[in-house]
Each structure stands twice: as structure tokens, then as C-alpha cells.
Amino acid sequence: MSKLSRLIEQVEMAETLLTLQMEREQLRLKIDHLTNLISVSQKVSLAEIKSQVKNTCSHISSTIDENLIH
């Protein structure tokens, strides 16, 4: 194998490694984002249970409304 061929192979490996690292970082950011959304959702649900806020889109709010009406 010539020096040029080895150099090309090393560049291709480096490109593959960088691509994989970028994909890994993108996945990490997505996971962080989803984790934050879950955390916020849990906090809203807890606040609803404690009747601090009313989320008209959630099941808990509609259940509370039904109980208040009946």
C-alpha cells in the first residue's frame, strides 16, 4: 500500500469518526431536551394535583373540573 493510499484511508477514518461524534452529540442534545420536557411536564402535573395551576389540555384538569361540577 502506498503512502498516498494510507493517507487517504486515515482521512476517511477521521471523517467517519467525526461524523459519529457529531451524531452522538446530536443524540445527547435530543435526550437532554426530552429529559427537560419530561421534568417540566411532571412539575406541571404536580402543581395541578396541588391545585396551584390549571392546564386545560391535561387529563387531570378535566377530571378535577368534572368532580367540581358534580
Protein backbone atom coordinates (compact mmCIF):
# COMPACT_ATOMS: atom_id res chain seq x y z
CA MET A 1 0.00 0.00 0.00
CA SER A 2 1.44 3.34 -0.95
CA LYS A 3 1.77 6.30 1.39
CA LEU A 4 -0.96 8.11 -0.52
CA SER A 5 -3.37 5.20 -0.11
CA ARG A 6 -2.68 5.02 3.64
CA LEU A 7 -3.16 8.76 3.96
CA ILE A 8 -6.50 8.59 2.13
CA GLU A 9 -7.58 5.72 4.37
CA GLN A 10 -6.63 7.68 7.50
CA VAL A 11 -8.55 10.74 6.29
CA GLU A 12 -11.61 8.57 5.62
CA MET A 13 -11.35 7.05 9.11
CA ALA A 14 -11.06 10.50 10.65
CA GLU A 15 -14.11 11.66 8.69
CA THR A 16 -16.09 8.64 9.89
CA LEU A 17 -15.01 9.27 13.48
CA LEU A 18 -16.02 12.93 13.31
CA THR A 19 -19.38 12.02 11.78
CA LEU A 20 -20.04 9.52 14.57
CA GLN A 21 -19.06 12.05 17.23
CA MET A 22 -21.43 14.63 15.72
CA GLU A 23 -24.29 12.12 15.63
CA ARG A 24 -23.58 11.16 19.23
CA GLU A 25 -23.65 14.80 20.32
CA GLN A 26 -26.93 15.39 18.44
CA LEU A 27 -28.48 12.40 20.20
CA ARG A 28 -27.22 13.66 23.57
CA LEU A 29 -28.82 17.05 22.93
CA LYS A 30 -32.12 15.42 21.95
CA ILE A 31 -32.06 13.30 25.11
CA ASP A 32 -31.34 16.39 27.22
CA HIS A 33 -34.22 18.23 25.57
CA LEU A 34 -36.65 15.36 26.12
CA THR A 35 -35.50 14.99 29.72
CA ASN A 36 -36.22 18.67 30.31
CA LEU A 37 -39.67 18.33 28.73
CA ILE A 38 -40.47 15.37 30.95
CA SER A 39 -39.31 17.29 34.01
CA VAL A 40 -41.48 20.28 33.15
CA SER A 41 -44.46 18.03 32.47
CA GLN A 42 -44.04 16.32 35.84
CA LYS A 43 -43.81 19.68 37.61
CA VAL A 44 -46.99 20.89 35.90
CA SER A 45 -48.79 17.68 36.81
CA LEU A 46 -47.68 18.00 40.41
CA ALA A 47 -48.83 21.62 40.51
CA GLU A 48 -52.20 20.56 39.08
CA ILE A 49 -52.57 17.92 41.74
CA LYS A 50 -51.86 20.58 44.35
CA SER A 51 -54.36 22.85 42.54
CA GLN A 52 -51.80 25.57 42.01
CA VAL A 53 -52.39 25.80 38.27
CA LYS A 54 -54.90 24.56 35.77
CA ASN A 55 -53.74 23.01 32.50
CA THR A 56 -56.83 22.80 30.31
CA CYS A 57 -55.12 20.33 27.98
CA SER A 58 -54.39 17.69 30.58
CA HIS A 59 -56.47 14.78 31.75
CA ILE A 60 -56.08 15.74 35.40
CA SER A 61 -57.65 19.17 34.86
CA SER A 62 -60.66 17.72 33.09
CA THR A 63 -61.12 15.21 35.90
CA ILE A 64 -60.92 17.97 38.51
CA ASP A 65 -63.48 20.03 36.56
CA GLU A 66 -65.87 17.09 36.37
CA ASN A 67 -65.58 16.49 40.11
CA LEU A 68 -66.24 20.15 40.84
CA ILE A 69 -69.30 20.27 38.59
CA HIS A 70 -70.88 17.10 40.03
